[in-house]
Structures are given as C-alpha cells and as structure tokens.
N, C-alpha and C. Protein backbone atom coordinates (compact mmCIF):
# COMPACT_ATOMS: atom_id res chain seq x y z
N GLY A 1 112.22 178.36 155.38
CA GLY A 1 112.55 179.40 156.31
C GLY A 1 113.26 180.58 155.67
N ASN A 2 114.19 180.31 154.75
CA ASN A 2 114.95 181.40 154.13
C ASN A 2 114.04 182.36 153.36
N PHE A 3 113.06 181.81 152.67
CA PHE A 3 112.12 182.63 151.92
C PHE A 3 111.31 183.51 152.87
N LEU A 4 110.84 182.92 153.96
CA LEU A 4 110.04 183.68 154.93
C LEU A 4 110.85 184.79 155.58
N ILE A 5 112.13 184.56 155.81
CA ILE A 5 113.01 185.58 156.39
C ILE A 5 113.02 186.82 155.50
N ARG A 6 113.18 186.62 154.19
CA ARG A 6 113.22 187.74 153.25
C ARG A 6 111.87 188.46 153.22
N VAL A 7 110.78 187.71 153.32
CA VAL A 7 109.44 188.31 153.33
C VAL A 7 109.31 189.23 154.54
N ILE A 8 109.70 188.73 155.73
CA ILE A 8 109.62 189.53 156.95
C ILE A 8 110.49 190.79 156.84
N GLU A 9 111.71 190.63 156.36
CA GLU A 9 112.60 191.78 156.20
C GLU A 9 111.97 192.85 155.32
N ARG A 10 111.43 192.43 154.18
CA ARG A 10 110.86 193.40 153.23
C ARG A 10 109.63 194.08 153.81
N LYS A 11 108.80 193.32 154.50
CA LYS A 11 107.60 193.92 155.10
C LYS A 11 107.98 194.98 156.12
N ILE A 12 108.90 194.66 157.01
CA ILE A 12 109.28 195.61 158.06
C ILE A 12 109.99 196.82 157.46
N LYS A 13 110.87 196.60 156.51
CA LYS A 13 111.59 197.72 155.88
C LYS A 13 110.65 198.63 155.09
N SER A 14 109.49 198.09 154.67
CA SER A 14 108.54 198.92 153.93
C SER A 14 107.57 199.65 154.86
N GLY A 15 107.76 199.51 156.18
CA GLY A 15 106.96 200.27 157.12
C GLY A 15 105.90 199.49 157.89
N VAL A 16 105.80 198.20 157.63
CA VAL A 16 104.85 197.36 158.36
C VAL A 16 105.42 197.07 159.74
N SER A 17 104.59 197.08 160.76
CA SER A 17 105.09 196.78 162.11
C SER A 17 105.56 195.33 162.17
N PRO A 18 106.52 195.02 163.04
CA PRO A 18 106.99 193.64 163.16
C PRO A 18 105.85 192.67 163.48
N LEU A 19 104.95 193.06 164.38
CA LEU A 19 103.84 192.19 164.73
C LEU A 19 102.95 191.92 163.52
N GLN A 20 102.62 192.96 162.78
CA GLN A 20 101.77 192.78 161.59
C GLN A 20 102.48 191.94 160.54
N ALA A 21 103.78 192.14 160.38
CA ALA A 21 104.56 191.34 159.42
C ALA A 21 104.51 189.86 159.80
N LEU A 22 104.67 189.57 161.10
CA LEU A 22 104.65 188.17 161.55
C LEU A 22 103.25 187.58 161.49
N LYS A 23 102.24 188.39 161.77
CA LYS A 23 100.85 187.91 161.74
C LYS A 23 100.37 187.60 160.33
N THR A 24 101.01 188.19 159.33
CA THR A 24 100.56 188.01 157.95
C THR A 24 101.52 187.19 157.11
N THR A 25 102.38 186.43 157.77
CA THR A 25 103.32 185.55 157.07
C THR A 25 103.05 184.12 157.51
N TYR A 26 102.91 183.22 156.55
CA TYR A 26 102.52 181.84 156.84
C TYR A 26 103.50 180.87 156.20
N GLY A 27 103.65 179.71 156.84
CA GLY A 27 104.51 178.68 156.29
C GLY A 27 104.20 177.32 156.89
N CYS A 28 104.64 176.29 156.18
CA CYS A 28 104.40 174.91 156.60
C CYS A 28 105.60 174.07 156.17
N ASP A 29 106.08 173.20 157.05
CA ASP A 29 107.18 172.30 156.74
C ASP A 29 106.91 170.98 157.43
N ILE A 30 107.35 169.91 156.83
CA ILE A 30 107.10 168.59 157.38
C ILE A 30 108.08 168.24 158.51
N MET A 31 109.21 168.94 158.58
CA MET A 31 110.24 168.63 159.56
C MET A 31 110.13 169.56 160.78
N ALA A 32 109.98 168.97 161.96
CA ALA A 32 109.81 169.75 163.20
C ALA A 32 111.03 170.64 163.47
N ASP A 33 112.23 170.14 163.21
CA ASP A 33 113.42 170.95 163.49
C ASP A 33 113.50 172.16 162.56
N ASN A 34 113.00 172.02 161.33
CA ASN A 34 112.97 173.17 160.42
C ASN A 34 112.00 174.24 160.93
N ILE A 35 110.89 173.81 161.50
CA ILE A 35 109.91 174.77 162.04
C ILE A 35 110.51 175.50 163.23
N LYS A 36 111.15 174.77 164.12
CA LYS A 36 111.77 175.40 165.30
C LYS A 36 112.80 176.44 164.86
N GLU A 37 113.64 176.07 163.91
CA GLU A 37 114.65 177.00 163.41
C GLU A 37 114.00 178.20 162.71
N ALA A 38 112.94 177.96 161.95
CA ALA A 38 112.25 179.06 161.28
C ALA A 38 111.65 180.03 162.29
N HIS A 39 111.04 179.51 163.36
CA HIS A 39 110.49 180.37 164.41
C HIS A 39 111.58 181.26 164.99
N GLU A 40 112.70 180.66 165.35
CA GLU A 40 113.81 181.42 165.93
C GLU A 40 114.31 182.49 164.97
N ARG A 41 114.52 182.10 163.73
CA ARG A 41 115.08 183.03 162.75
C ARG A 41 114.11 184.15 162.40
N LEU A 42 112.82 183.84 162.31
CA LEU A 42 111.83 184.88 162.03
C LEU A 42 111.80 185.92 163.15
N LEU A 43 111.83 185.45 164.38
CA LEU A 43 111.78 186.36 165.52
C LEU A 43 113.05 187.20 165.63
N THR A 44 114.21 186.56 165.47
CA THR A 44 115.45 187.32 165.58
C THR A 44 115.61 188.29 164.42
N THR A 45 115.15 187.91 163.23
CA THR A 45 115.21 188.82 162.08
C THR A 45 114.28 190.01 162.29
N ALA A 46 113.06 189.75 162.73
CA ALA A 46 112.12 190.86 162.99
C ALA A 46 112.69 191.80 164.04
N SER A 47 113.33 191.24 165.03
CA SER A 47 113.94 192.05 166.09
C SER A 47 115.08 192.90 165.54
N LYS A 48 115.95 192.27 164.78
CA LYS A 48 117.11 192.96 164.23
C LYS A 48 116.70 194.08 163.28
N VAL A 49 115.76 193.80 162.38
CA VAL A 49 115.35 194.78 161.38
C VAL A 49 114.58 195.93 162.01
N SER A 50 113.75 195.63 163.01
CA SER A 50 112.91 196.67 163.62
C SER A 50 113.59 197.40 164.78
N GLY A 51 114.61 196.78 165.38
CA GLY A 51 115.25 197.37 166.55
C GLY A 51 114.44 197.18 167.82
N GLN A 52 113.49 196.27 167.80
CA GLN A 52 112.64 195.99 168.96
C GLN A 52 112.88 194.56 169.45
N LEU A 53 112.68 194.35 170.74
CA LEU A 53 112.76 192.99 171.27
C LEU A 53 111.46 192.26 170.98
N PRO A 54 111.52 190.95 170.74
CA PRO A 54 110.31 190.17 170.50
C PRO A 54 109.37 190.21 171.70
N SER A 55 108.10 190.14 171.42
CA SER A 55 107.09 190.10 172.48
C SER A 55 106.41 188.73 172.47
N LEU A 56 105.65 188.48 173.49
CA LEU A 56 104.88 187.24 173.56
C LEU A 56 103.91 187.16 172.37
N GLU A 57 103.36 188.29 171.99
CA GLU A 57 102.43 188.33 170.85
C GLU A 57 103.14 187.95 169.54
N TRP A 58 104.38 188.38 169.38
CA TRP A 58 105.16 187.98 168.20
C TRP A 58 105.31 186.46 168.17
N CYS A 59 105.66 185.90 169.33
CA CYS A 59 105.88 184.45 169.43
C CYS A 59 104.60 183.68 169.14
N GLU A 60 103.47 184.18 169.62
CA GLU A 60 102.19 183.53 169.34
C GLU A 60 101.87 183.57 167.85
N ALA A 61 102.16 184.69 167.20
CA ALA A 61 101.90 184.81 165.76
C ALA A 61 102.73 183.82 164.97
N VAL A 62 104.01 183.74 165.30
CA VAL A 62 104.90 182.82 164.59
C VAL A 62 104.49 181.36 164.87
N GLY A 63 104.18 181.06 166.13
CA GLY A 63 103.80 179.69 166.48
C GLY A 63 102.49 179.26 165.84
N THR A 64 101.62 180.20 165.56
CA THR A 64 100.34 179.89 164.93
C THR A 64 100.45 179.83 163.41
N ASN A 65 101.27 180.69 162.81
CA ASN A 65 101.30 180.82 161.36
C ASN A 65 102.38 180.03 160.64
N VAL A 66 103.38 179.56 161.34
CA VAL A 66 104.44 178.75 160.73
C VAL A 66 104.41 177.42 161.45
N VAL A 67 103.89 176.41 160.77
CA VAL A 67 103.52 175.16 161.43
C VAL A 67 104.16 173.94 160.78
N ARG A 68 104.16 172.86 161.54
CA ARG A 68 104.62 171.57 161.04
C ARG A 68 103.43 170.87 160.40
N GLY A 69 103.63 170.38 159.19
CA GLY A 69 102.59 169.65 158.50
C GLY A 69 103.04 169.29 157.10
N ASP A 70 102.31 168.40 156.50
CA ASP A 70 102.56 167.99 155.11
C ASP A 70 101.82 168.98 154.21
N ALA A 71 102.54 169.72 153.43
CA ALA A 71 101.95 170.77 152.60
C ALA A 71 100.91 170.22 151.62
N LEU A 72 101.01 168.95 151.30
CA LEU A 72 100.04 168.36 150.36
C LEU A 72 98.73 167.99 151.02
N THR A 73 98.74 167.80 152.34
CA THR A 73 97.52 167.38 153.03
C THR A 73 97.07 168.33 154.13
N TYR A 74 97.86 169.36 154.45
CA TYR A 74 97.52 170.30 155.52
C TYR A 74 96.25 171.06 155.15
N ASP A 75 95.38 171.35 156.13
CA ASP A 75 94.11 172.03 155.84
C ASP A 75 94.26 173.54 155.66
N TRP A 76 95.42 174.11 155.94
CA TRP A 76 95.77 175.51 155.71
C TRP A 76 94.87 176.49 156.47
N GLU A 77 94.35 176.07 157.62
CA GLU A 77 93.54 176.97 158.43
C GLU A 77 94.35 177.76 159.45
N PHE A 78 95.52 177.29 159.84
CA PHE A 78 96.40 177.98 160.77
C PHE A 78 95.67 178.42 162.03
N LYS A 79 94.98 177.49 162.66
CA LYS A 79 94.30 177.78 163.93
C LYS A 79 95.31 177.68 165.07
N PRO A 80 95.22 178.57 166.06
CA PRO A 80 96.13 178.45 167.21
C PRO A 80 95.83 177.18 167.99
N SER A 81 96.87 176.49 168.41
CA SER A 81 96.67 175.29 169.22
C SER A 81 96.31 175.71 170.64
N LYS A 82 95.77 174.77 171.39
CA LYS A 82 95.39 175.09 172.77
C LYS A 82 96.61 175.31 173.65
N HIS A 83 97.78 174.96 173.15
CA HIS A 83 99.02 175.11 173.92
C HIS A 83 99.88 176.28 173.43
N ILE A 84 99.31 177.16 172.61
CA ILE A 84 100.11 178.22 172.01
C ILE A 84 100.70 179.16 173.05
N LYS A 85 99.99 179.45 174.12
CA LYS A 85 100.52 180.37 175.16
C LYS A 85 101.79 179.80 175.79
N GLN A 86 101.74 178.51 176.16
CA GLN A 86 102.92 177.88 176.78
C GLN A 86 104.08 177.81 175.79
N TYR A 87 103.76 177.46 174.52
CA TYR A 87 104.80 177.38 173.51
C TYR A 87 105.42 178.76 173.29
N ALA A 88 104.59 179.79 173.19
CA ALA A 88 105.08 181.15 172.94
C ALA A 88 105.98 181.62 174.08
N GLU A 89 105.60 181.32 175.32
CA GLU A 89 106.42 181.72 176.46
C GLU A 89 107.78 181.04 176.42
N ALA A 90 107.80 179.74 176.12
CA ALA A 90 109.07 179.01 176.04
C ALA A 90 109.91 179.53 174.87
N LEU A 91 109.26 179.81 173.76
CA LEU A 91 109.97 180.33 172.59
C LEU A 91 110.59 181.69 172.89
N MET A 92 109.84 182.54 173.56
CA MET A 92 110.36 183.87 173.89
C MET A 92 111.56 183.77 174.82
N GLN A 93 111.51 182.90 175.81
CA GLN A 93 112.64 182.73 176.72
C GLN A 93 113.88 182.25 175.98
N HIS A 94 113.66 181.43 174.96
CA HIS A 94 114.78 180.91 174.18
C HIS A 94 115.34 181.97 173.22
N VAL A 95 114.47 182.78 172.63
CA VAL A 95 114.89 183.71 171.60
C VAL A 95 115.44 185.03 172.15
N LEU A 96 114.94 185.50 173.26
CA LEU A 96 115.39 186.79 173.78
C LEU A 96 116.91 186.92 173.89
N PRO A 97 117.60 185.90 174.43
CA PRO A 97 119.07 186.03 174.50
C PRO A 97 119.75 186.10 173.13
N LEU A 98 119.06 185.63 172.09
CA LEU A 98 119.64 185.65 170.74
C LEU A 98 119.51 187.01 170.06
N CYS A 99 118.63 187.85 170.59
CA CYS A 99 118.36 189.16 169.98
C CYS A 99 119.30 190.21 170.52
N LYS A 100 119.98 190.85 169.62
CA LYS A 100 120.92 191.91 169.98
C LYS A 100 120.39 193.21 169.42
N ILE A 101 120.03 194.12 170.29
CA ILE A 101 119.51 195.42 169.88
C ILE A 101 120.61 196.46 170.06
N ASN A 102 120.83 197.24 169.02
CA ASN A 102 121.87 198.28 169.09
C ASN A 102 121.33 199.53 169.73
C-alpha cells in the first residue's frame, strides 16, 4: 500500500487526473485487511492531493485494480467482479467522511 500511495501522489502531482491515476495503478496482496486499508488510503490520498472528493468511479477503479490474491498464482487480469458496484458504493460511504478538502 505505501508504494502505491507514492505512485498515486506522483501521478496526480504531475498533472494526471485522480481517476486516471487510480485506473492505471495496480496491486495485489494476500491479506484482505491490507487491501481494505490500501483502498481507503489510495482514495483519501487522491482526494487530498487533487482537492476533489472521491467519486463512485474512483472507488470502482480501486476495487478493480487493487485486489486480494497470491501474487505468485494470481492471473493478473484485474477483471471487475460482478459485485464491484455494491462494493464501490459501500467503500465510498466509508471513505467520504475521511476526506478533508480545504
């Protein structure tokens, strides 16, 4: 997660939109709690650096591209799950209160 945070920061600071930065950043971890924390941190970081509130589309990008899996056996296709809309909505409701826009 820490590495991905720096990637997102650099992309946005170099002029890439937050959505494009999140759509083009990928990660995999075997621990579900690490993925949940990475999703939260990626969204709050993108929000803080860009000055924008996260959108449902941001949440869908993060939920699709940063996944739980064994890096040695994962197929690396990053296909959206059939439940991505519900997950993204729940994630957005959880993350919005964490985002502080100046």
